[in-house]
Amino acid sequence: PRQGDTPMIMVGPGTGVAPFRAFLQERRARGDGGRNWLFF
């Protein structure tokens, strides 16, 4: 999400987790405060 405070739900089983690892790194680097939920 462009807005840093927007919650994010990610469903990424198996190798589908790959982009969500990137998403979490991106949100940390940007200092986003939005909540993040991962189903793996």
All heavy atoms as atom14 arrays in JSON, in Angstrom:
{
  "sequence": "PRQGDTPMIMVGPGTGVAPFRAFLQERRARGDGGRNWLFF",
  "atom14_mask": [
    [1, 1, 1, 1, 1, 1, 1, 0, 0, 0, 0, 0, 0, 0],
    [1, 1, 1, 1, 1, 1, 1, 1, 1, 1, 1, 0, 0, 0],
    [1, 1, 1, 1, 1, 1, 1, 1, 1, 0, 0, 0, 0, 0],
    [1, 1, 1, 1, 0, 0, 0, 0, 0, 0, 0, 0, 0, 0],
    [1, 1, 1, 1, 1, 1, 1, 1, 0, 0, 0, 0, 0, 0],
    [1, 1, 1, 1, 1, 1, 1, 0, 0, 0, 0, 0, 0, 0],
    [1, 1, 1, 1, 1, 1, 1, 0, 0, 0, 0, 0, 0, 0],
    [1, 1, 1, 1, 1, 1, 1, 1, 0, 0, 0, 0, 0, 0],
    [1, 1, 1, 1, 1, 1, 1, 1, 0, 0, 0, 0, 0, 0],
    [1, 1, 1, 1, 1, 1, 1, 1, 0, 0, 0, 0, 0, 0],
    [1, 1, 1, 1, 1, 1, 1, 0, 0, 0, 0, 0, 0, 0],
    [1, 1, 1, 1, 0, 0, 0, 0, 0, 0, 0, 0, 0, 0],
    [1, 1, 1, 1, 1, 1, 1, 0, 0, 0, 0, 0, 0, 0],
    [1, 1, 1, 1, 0, 0, 0, 0, 0, 0, 0, 0, 0, 0],
    [1, 1, 1, 1, 1, 1, 1, 0, 0, 0, 0, 0, 0, 0],
    [1, 1, 1, 1, 0, 0, 0, 0, 0, 0, 0, 0, 0, 0],
    [1, 1, 1, 1, 1, 1, 1, 0, 0, 0, 0, 0, 0, 0],
    [1, 1, 1, 1, 1, 0, 0, 0, 0, 0, 0, 0, 0, 0],
    [1, 1, 1, 1, 1, 1, 1, 0, 0, 0, 0, 0, 0, 0],
    [1, 1, 1, 1, 1, 1, 1, 1, 1, 1, 1, 0, 0, 0],
    [1, 1, 1, 1, 1, 1, 1, 1, 1, 1, 1, 0, 0, 0],
    [1, 1, 1, 1, 1, 0, 0, 0, 0, 0, 0, 0, 0, 0],
    [1, 1, 1, 1, 1, 1, 1, 1, 1, 1, 1, 0, 0, 0],
    [1, 1, 1, 1, 1, 1, 1, 1, 0, 0, 0, 0, 0, 0],
    [1, 1, 1, 1, 1, 1, 1, 1, 1, 0, 0, 0, 0, 0],
    [1, 1, 1, 1, 1, 1, 1, 1, 1, 0, 0, 0, 0, 0],
    [1, 1, 1, 1, 1, 1, 1, 1, 1, 1, 1, 0, 0, 0],
    [1, 1, 1, 1, 1, 1, 1, 1, 1, 1, 1, 0, 0, 0],
    [1, 1, 1, 1, 1, 0, 0, 0, 0, 0, 0, 0, 0, 0],
    [1, 1, 1, 1, 1, 1, 1, 1, 1, 1, 1, 0, 0, 0],
    [1, 1, 1, 1, 0, 0, 0, 0, 0, 0, 0, 0, 0, 0],
    [1, 1, 1, 1, 1, 1, 1, 1, 0, 0, 0, 0, 0, 0],
    [1, 1, 1, 1, 0, 0, 0, 0, 0, 0, 0, 0, 0, 0],
    [1, 1, 1, 1, 0, 0, 0, 0, 0, 0, 0, 0, 0, 0],
    [1, 1, 1, 1, 1, 1, 1, 1, 1, 1, 1, 0, 0, 0],
    [1, 1, 1, 1, 1, 1, 1, 1, 0, 0, 0, 0, 0, 0],
    [1, 1, 1, 1, 1, 1, 1, 1, 1, 1, 1, 1, 1, 1],
    [1, 1, 1, 1, 1, 1, 1, 1, 0, 0, 0, 0, 0, 0],
    [1, 1, 1, 1, 1, 1, 1, 1, 1, 1, 1, 0, 0, 0],
    [1, 1, 1, 1, 1, 1, 1, 1, 1, 1, 1, 0, 0, 0]
  ],
  "atom14_positions": [
    [[0.83, -1.22, 0.0], [0.0, 0.0, 0.0], [0.85, 1.26, 0.0], [1.9, 1.33, 0.67], [-0.8, -0.13, 1.3], [-0.81, -1.59, 1.61], [0.5, -2.11, 1.12], [0.0, 0.0, 0.0], [0.0, 0.0, 0.0], [0.0, 0.0, 0.0], [0.0, 0.0, 0.0], [0.0, 0.0, 0.0], [0.0, 0.0, 0.0], [0.0, 0.0, 0.0]],
    [[0.4, 2.26, -0.76], [1.14, 3.52, -0.82], [1.07, 4.26, 0.52], [2.04, 4.87, 0.95], [0.58, 4.41, -1.93], [0.84, 3.88, -3.32], [0.31, 4.85, -4.37], [0.56, 4.37, -5.73], [0.2, 5.03, -6.82], [-0.45, 6.19, -6.7], [0.46, 4.54, -8.02], [0.0, 0.0, 0.0], [0.0, 0.0, 0.0], [0.0, 0.0, 0.0]],
    [[-0.1, 4.2, 1.14], [-0.26, 4.86, 2.44], [0.34, 3.97, 3.53], [-0.04, 2.82, 3.69], [-1.74, 5.13, 2.74], [-2.37, 6.22, 1.88], [-2.59, 5.79, 0.44], [-2.86, 4.62, 0.17], [-2.44, 6.73, -0.49], [0.0, 0.0, 0.0], [0.0, 0.0, 0.0], [0.0, 0.0, 0.0], [0.0, 0.0, 0.0], [0.0, 0.0, 0.0]],
    [[1.26, 4.55, 4.27], [1.99, 3.77, 5.24], [1.16, 3.22, 6.37], [1.56, 2.23, 7.01], [0.0, 0.0, 0.0], [0.0, 0.0, 0.0], [0.0, 0.0, 0.0], [0.0, 0.0, 0.0], [0.0, 0.0, 0.0], [0.0, 0.0, 0.0], [0.0, 0.0, 0.0], [0.0, 0.0, 0.0], [0.0, 0.0, 0.0], [0.0, 0.0, 0.0]],
    [[-0.02, 3.8, 6.65], [-0.83, 3.33, 7.76], [-1.9, 2.34, 7.32], [-2.72, 1.89, 8.13], [-1.49, 4.51, 8.48], [-2.38, 5.34, 7.56], [-2.33, 5.12, 6.32], [-3.1, 6.21, 8.07], [0.0, 0.0, 0.0], [0.0, 0.0, 0.0], [0.0, 0.0, 0.0], [0.0, 0.0, 0.0], [0.0, 0.0, 0.0], [0.0, 0.0, 0.0]],
    [[-1.94, 1.95, 6.04], [-2.94, 1.02, 5.54], [-2.61, -0.41, 5.98], [-1.49, -0.87, 5.78], [-3.0, 1.06, 4.0], [-3.34, 2.38, 3.58], [-4.04, 0.08, 3.47], [0.0, 0.0, 0.0], [0.0, 0.0, 0.0], [0.0, 0.0, 0.0], [0.0, 0.0, 0.0], [0.0, 0.0, 0.0], [0.0, 0.0, 0.0], [0.0, 0.0, 0.0]],
    [[-3.56, -1.13, 6.57], [-3.3, -2.53, 6.94], [-3.09, -3.39, 5.69], [-3.64, -3.09, 4.61], [-4.57, -2.95, 7.7], [-5.25, -1.68, 8.06], [-4.89, -0.69, 7.0], [0.0, 0.0, 0.0], [0.0, 0.0, 0.0], [0.0, 0.0, 0.0], [0.0, 0.0, 0.0], [0.0, 0.0, 0.0], [0.0, 0.0, 0.0], [0.0, 0.0, 0.0]],
    [[-2.34, -4.47, 5.83], [-2.0, -5.33, 4.7], [-2.15, -6.79, 5.11], [-1.57, -7.22, 6.12], [-0.56, -5.04, 4.24], [-0.07, -5.88, 3.09], [1.54, -5.31, 2.44], [2.63, -5.66, 3.84], [0.0, 0.0, 0.0], [0.0, 0.0, 0.0], [0.0, 0.0, 0.0], [0.0, 0.0, 0.0], [0.0, 0.0, 0.0], [0.0, 0.0, 0.0]],
    [[-2.94, -7.55, 4.35], [-3.12, -8.99, 4.57], [-2.49, -9.72, 3.39], [-2.8, -9.43, 2.23], [-4.61, -9.36, 4.68], [-5.28, -8.57, 5.81], [-4.78, -10.86, 4.91], [-6.8, -8.66, 5.78], [0.0, 0.0, 0.0], [0.0, 0.0, 0.0], [0.0, 0.0, 0.0], [0.0, 0.0, 0.0], [0.0, 0.0, 0.0], [0.0, 0.0, 0.0]],
    [[-1.62, -10.68, 3.67], [-0.88, -11.39, 2.63], [-1.09, -12.89, 2.77], [-0.91, -13.44, 3.86], [0.61, -11.08, 2.73], [0.96, -9.6, 2.63], [2.59, -9.2, 3.36], [2.22, -9.3, 5.12], [0.0, 0.0, 0.0], [0.0, 0.0, 0.0], [0.0, 0.0, 0.0], [0.0, 0.0, 0.0], [0.0, 0.0, 0.0], [0.0, 0.0, 0.0]],
    [[-1.46, -13.55, 1.69], [-1.63, -15.01, 1.66], [-0.6, -15.56, 0.69], [-0.73, -15.38, -0.53], [-3.05, -15.4, 1.25], [-3.21, -16.93, 1.31], [-4.09, -14.73, 2.15], [0.0, 0.0, 0.0], [0.0, 0.0, 0.0], [0.0, 0.0, 0.0], [0.0, 0.0, 0.0], [0.0, 0.0, 0.0], [0.0, 0.0, 0.0], [0.0, 0.0, 0.0]],
    [[0.44, -16.21, 1.22], [1.53, -16.66, 0.37], [2.09, -18.0, 0.8], [3.17, -18.05, 1.38], [0.0, 0.0, 0.0], [0.0, 0.0, 0.0], [0.0, 0.0, 0.0], [0.0, 0.0, 0.0], [0.0, 0.0, 0.0], [0.0, 0.0, 0.0], [0.0, 0.0, 0.0], [0.0, 0.0, 0.0], [0.0, 0.0, 0.0], [0.0, 0.0, 0.0]],
    [[1.39, -19.09, 0.53], [1.94, -20.41, 0.86], [3.09, -20.79, -0.05], [3.19, -20.32, -1.19], [0.75, -21.35, 0.67], [-0.1, -20.66, -0.33], [0.06, -19.2, -0.09], [0.0, 0.0, 0.0], [0.0, 0.0, 0.0], [0.0, 0.0, 0.0], [0.0, 0.0, 0.0], [0.0, 0.0, 0.0], [0.0, 0.0, 0.0], [0.0, 0.0, 0.0]],
    [[3.97, -21.66, 0.43], [5.09, -22.12, -0.38], [5.97, -20.98, -0.83], [6.24, -20.03, -0.1], [0.0, 0.0, 0.0], [0.0, 0.0, 0.0], [0.0, 0.0, 0.0], [0.0, 0.0, 0.0], [0.0, 0.0, 0.0], [0.0, 0.0, 0.0], [0.0, 0.0, 0.0], [0.0, 0.0, 0.0], [0.0, 0.0, 0.0], [0.0, 0.0, 0.0]],
    [[6.42, -21.05, -2.08], [7.27, -19.99, -2.62], [6.48, -18.71, -2.86], [7.07, -17.68, -3.17], [7.94, -20.44, -3.93], [6.93, -20.85, -4.86], [8.89, -21.6, -3.68], [0.0, 0.0, 0.0], [0.0, 0.0, 0.0], [0.0, 0.0, 0.0], [0.0, 0.0, 0.0], [0.0, 0.0, 0.0], [0.0, 0.0, 0.0], [0.0, 0.0, 0.0]],
    [[5.16, -18.77, -2.68], [4.35, -17.56, -2.78], [4.65, -16.55, -1.69], [4.19, -15.4, -1.75], [0.0, 0.0, 0.0], [0.0, 0.0, 0.0], [0.0, 0.0, 0.0], [0.0, 0.0, 0.0], [0.0, 0.0, 0.0], [0.0, 0.0, 0.0], [0.0, 0.0, 0.0], [0.0, 0.0, 0.0], [0.0, 0.0, 0.0], [0.0, 0.0, 0.0]],
    [[5.45, -16.95, -0.69], [5.83, -16.01, 0.37], [6.84, -14.99, -0.14], [7.05, -13.94, 0.49], [6.41, -16.79, 1.58], [7.82, -17.32, 1.26], [6.45, -15.92, 2.83], [0.0, 0.0, 0.0], [0.0, 0.0, 0.0], [0.0, 0.0, 0.0], [0.0, 0.0, 0.0], [0.0, 0.0, 0.0], [0.0, 0.0, 0.0], [0.0, 0.0, 0.0]],
    [[7.48, -15.26, -1.28], [8.59, -14.44, -1.75], [8.28, -12.94, -1.82], [8.98, -12.13, -1.2], [9.08, -14.95, -3.1], [0.0, 0.0, 0.0], [0.0, 0.0, 0.0], [0.0, 0.0, 0.0], [0.0, 0.0, 0.0], [0.0, 0.0, 0.0], [0.0, 0.0, 0.0], [0.0, 0.0, 0.0], [0.0, 0.0, 0.0], [0.0, 0.0, 0.0]],
    [[7.23, -12.51, -2.55], [7.02, -11.06, -2.64], [6.63, -10.43, -1.32], [6.86, -9.23, -1.11], [5.9, -10.94, -3.68], [5.17, -12.23, -3.59], [6.23, -13.26, -3.32], [0.0, 0.0, 0.0], [0.0, 0.0, 0.0], [0.0, 0.0, 0.0], [0.0, 0.0, 0.0], [0.0, 0.0, 0.0], [0.0, 0.0, 0.0], [0.0, 0.0, 0.0]],
    [[6.05, -11.22, -0.41], [5.63, -10.65, 0.86], [6.81, -10.44, 1.8], [6.78, -9.55, 2.65], [4.55, -11.53, 1.48], [3.36, -11.7, 0.55], [2.77, -12.93, 0.35], [2.88, -10.61, -0.15], [1.7, -13.07, -0.52], [1.81, -10.74, -1.03], [1.22, -11.98, -1.21], [0.0, 0.0, 0.0], [0.0, 0.0, 0.0], [0.0, 0.0, 0.0]],
    [[7.85, -11.22, 1.63], [9.12, -10.91, 2.31], [9.6, -9.54, 1.83], [10.05, -8.71, 2.63], [10.15, -11.99, 2.0], [11.51, -11.79, 2.65], [12.4, -12.98, 2.33], [13.69, -12.89, 3.0], [14.82, -12.51, 2.44], [14.82, -12.13, 1.15], [15.95, -12.48, 3.11], [0.0, 0.0, 0.0], [0.0, 0.0, 0.0], [0.0, 0.0, 0.0]],
    [[9.49, -9.31, 0.51], [9.88, -8.0, -0.03], [8.98, -6.89, 0.48], [9.46, -5.8, 0.82], [9.84, -8.06, -1.57], [0.0, 0.0, 0.0], [0.0, 0.0, 0.0], [0.0, 0.0, 0.0], [0.0, 0.0, 0.0], [0.0, 0.0, 0.0], [0.0, 0.0, 0.0], [0.0, 0.0, 0.0], [0.0, 0.0, 0.0], [0.0, 0.0, 0.0]],
    [[7.67, -7.14, 0.56], [6.74, -6.14, 1.05], [7.08, -5.73, 2.48], [7.07, -4.54, 2.82], [5.31, -6.68, 1.01], [4.66, -6.65, -0.35], [5.41, -6.54, -1.51], [3.28, -6.75, -0.46], [4.8, -6.52, -2.75], [2.66, -6.72, -1.71], [3.42, -6.61, -2.85], [0.0, 0.0, 0.0], [0.0, 0.0, 0.0], [0.0, 0.0, 0.0]],
    [[7.37, -6.71, 3.32], [7.67, -6.41, 4.72], [8.98, -5.63, 4.83], [9.09, -4.69, 5.63], [7.74, -7.71, 5.53], [6.4, -8.43, 5.71], [6.61, -9.84, 6.23], [5.49, -7.64, 6.66], [0.0, 0.0, 0.0], [0.0, 0.0, 0.0], [0.0, 0.0, 0.0], [0.0, 0.0, 0.0], [0.0, 0.0, 0.0], [0.0, 0.0, 0.0]],
    [[9.97, -6.0, 4.05], [11.23, -5.24, 4.05], [10.98, -3.81, 3.58], [11.56, -2.86, 4.14], [12.25, -5.92, 3.14], [12.76, -7.25, 3.65], [13.73, -7.91, 2.69], [14.04, -7.35, 1.63], [14.21, -9.09, 3.03], [0.0, 0.0, 0.0], [0.0, 0.0, 0.0], [0.0, 0.0, 0.0], [0.0, 0.0, 0.0], [0.0, 0.0, 0.0]],
    [[10.14, -3.65, 2.57], [9.84, -2.32, 2.04], [9.14, -1.46, 3.09], [9.48, -0.29, 3.29], [8.96, -2.47, 0.8], [8.59, -1.16, 0.13], [9.69, -0.59, -0.74], [10.75, -1.24, -0.89], [9.49, 0.51, -1.28], [0.0, 0.0, 0.0], [0.0, 0.0, 0.0], [0.0, 0.0, 0.0], [0.0, 0.0, 0.0], [0.0, 0.0, 0.0]],
    [[8.17, -2.02, 3.78], [7.43, -1.25, 4.77], [8.33, -0.86, 5.94], [8.22, 0.25, 6.48], [6.21, -2.04, 5.28], [5.2, -2.35, 4.19], [3.81, -2.6, 4.75], [3.05, -1.36, 4.81], [1.78, -1.29, 5.2], [1.14, -2.38, 5.58], [1.15, -0.14, 5.21], [0.0, 0.0, 0.0], [0.0, 0.0, 0.0], [0.0, 0.0, 0.0]],
    [[9.23, -1.74, 6.33], [10.17, -1.39, 7.39], [11.08, -0.27, 6.94], [11.33, 0.69, 7.68], [10.97, -2.61, 7.81], [12.23, -2.27, 8.61], [12.59, -3.37, 9.57], [11.68, -3.38, 10.71], [11.65, -4.33, 11.64], [12.46, -5.37, 11.54], [10.82, -4.27, 12.64], [0.0, 0.0, 0.0], [0.0, 0.0, 0.0], [0.0, 0.0, 0.0]],
    [[11.61, -0.38, 5.72], [12.54, 0.63, 5.22], [11.87, 1.99, 5.09], [12.5, 3.03, 5.29], [13.13, 0.19, 3.88], [0.0, 0.0, 0.0], [0.0, 0.0, 0.0], [0.0, 0.0, 0.0], [0.0, 0.0, 0.0], [0.0, 0.0, 0.0], [0.0, 0.0, 0.0], [0.0, 0.0, 0.0], [0.0, 0.0, 0.0], [0.0, 0.0, 0.0]],
    [[10.58, 2.01, 4.75], [9.85, 3.26, 4.6], [9.37, 3.81, 5.93], [8.9, 4.95, 6.0], [8.64, 3.05, 3.68], [9.0, 2.71, 2.26], [7.82, 2.76, 1.29], [6.56, 2.26, 1.8], [5.58, 1.8, 1.03], [5.76, 1.75, -0.29], [4.44, 1.38, 1.54], [0.0, 0.0, 0.0], [0.0, 0.0, 0.0], [0.0, 0.0, 0.0]],
    [[9.44, 2.99, 6.98], [8.93, 3.43, 8.27], [7.42, 3.41, 8.36], [6.83, 4.15, 9.17], [0.0, 0.0, 0.0], [0.0, 0.0, 0.0], [0.0, 0.0, 0.0], [0.0, 0.0, 0.0], [0.0, 0.0, 0.0], [0.0, 0.0, 0.0], [0.0, 0.0, 0.0], [0.0, 0.0, 0.0], [0.0, 0.0, 0.0], [0.0, 0.0, 0.0]],
    [[6.76, 2.56, 7.56], [5.3, 2.49, 7.58], [4.8, 1.98, 8.93], [5.41, 1.09, 9.52], [4.8, 1.55, 6.47], [5.05, 2.11, 5.08], [5.5, 3.26, 4.97], [4.8, 1.38, 4.1], [0.0, 0.0, 0.0], [0.0, 0.0, 0.0], [0.0, 0.0, 0.0], [0.0, 0.0, 0.0], [0.0, 0.0, 0.0], [0.0, 0.0, 0.0]],
    [[3.68, 2.5, 9.35], [3.1, 2.07, 10.62], [1.91, 1.15, 10.49], [1.32, 0.74, 11.49], [0.0, 0.0, 0.0], [0.0, 0.0, 0.0], [0.0, 0.0, 0.0], [0.0, 0.0, 0.0], [0.0, 0.0, 0.0], [0.0, 0.0, 0.0], [0.0, 0.0, 0.0], [0.0, 0.0, 0.0], [0.0, 0.0, 0.0], [0.0, 0.0, 0.0]],
    [[1.53, 0.81, 9.24], [0.37, -0.04, 9.03], [0.59, -1.45, 9.53], [1.7, -1.97, 9.52], [0.0, 0.0, 0.0], [0.0, 0.0, 0.0], [0.0, 0.0, 0.0], [0.0, 0.0, 0.0], [0.0, 0.0, 0.0], [0.0, 0.0, 0.0], [0.0, 0.0, 0.0], [0.0, 0.0, 0.0], [0.0, 0.0, 0.0], [0.0, 0.0, 0.0]],
    [[-0.5, -2.09, 9.97], [-0.42, -3.46, 10.47], [-0.25, -4.44, 9.3], [-0.73, -4.2, 8.19], [-1.68, -3.81, 11.25], [-1.82, -3.06, 12.57], [-3.2, -3.27, 13.18], [-4.23, -2.7, 12.31], [-5.49, -3.14, 12.27], [-5.86, -4.17, 13.02], [-6.37, -2.56, 11.48], [0.0, 0.0, 0.0], [0.0, 0.0, 0.0], [0.0, 0.0, 0.0]],
    [[0.43, -5.56, 9.58], [0.73, -6.55, 8.54], [0.37, -7.95, 9.04], [0.75, -8.33, 10.15], [2.22, -6.51, 8.19], [2.68, -5.12, 7.78], [2.21, -4.59, 6.78], [3.57, -4.52, 8.55], [0.0, 0.0, 0.0], [0.0, 0.0, 0.0], [0.0, 0.0, 0.0], [0.0, 0.0, 0.0], [0.0, 0.0, 0.0], [0.0, 0.0, 0.0]],
    [[-0.33, -8.71, 8.2], [-0.8, -10.05, 8.56], [-0.41, -11.0, 7.44], [-0.77, -10.8, 6.28], [-2.3, -10.01, 8.73], [-2.95, -11.26, 9.25], [-2.4, -12.5, 9.42], [-4.33, -11.39, 9.66], [-3.33, -13.38, 9.91], [-4.52, -12.73, 10.08], [-5.4, -10.5, 9.71], [-5.75, -13.2, 10.54], [-6.63, -10.96, 10.18], [-6.79, -12.3, 10.58]],
    [[0.33, -12.05, 7.79], [0.77, -13.03, 6.8], [0.2, -14.4, 7.1], [0.31, -14.9, 8.22], [2.3, -13.11, 6.77], [2.9, -14.21, 5.87], [2.59, -13.96, 4.4], [4.43, -14.31, 6.07], [0.0, 0.0, 0.0], [0.0, 0.0, 0.0], [0.0, 0.0, 0.0], [0.0, 0.0, 0.0], [0.0, 0.0, 0.0], [0.0, 0.0, 0.0]],
    [[-0.41, -15.03, 6.07], [-0.79, -16.43, 6.11], [0.24, -17.2, 5.28], [0.41, -16.94, 4.09], [-2.18, -16.64, 5.5], [-3.31, -16.09, 6.31], [-3.74, -14.77, 6.11], [-3.96, -16.85, 7.25], [-4.8, -14.25, 6.83], [-5.03, -16.34, 7.99], [-5.44, -15.04, 7.78], [0.0, 0.0, 0.0], [0.0, 0.0, 0.0], [0.0, 0.0, 0.0]],
    [[0.93, -18.15, 5.93], [1.92, -18.95, 5.22], [1.63, -20.42, 5.47], [1.25, -20.81, 6.58], [3.35, -18.62, 5.69], [4.38, -19.57, 5.13], [4.8, -19.45, 3.81], [4.91, -20.59, 5.9], [5.74, -20.33, 3.28], [5.85, -21.47, 5.38], [6.28, -21.34, 4.06], [0.0, 0.0, 0.0], [0.0, 0.0, 0.0], [0.0, 0.0, 0.0]]
  ]
}
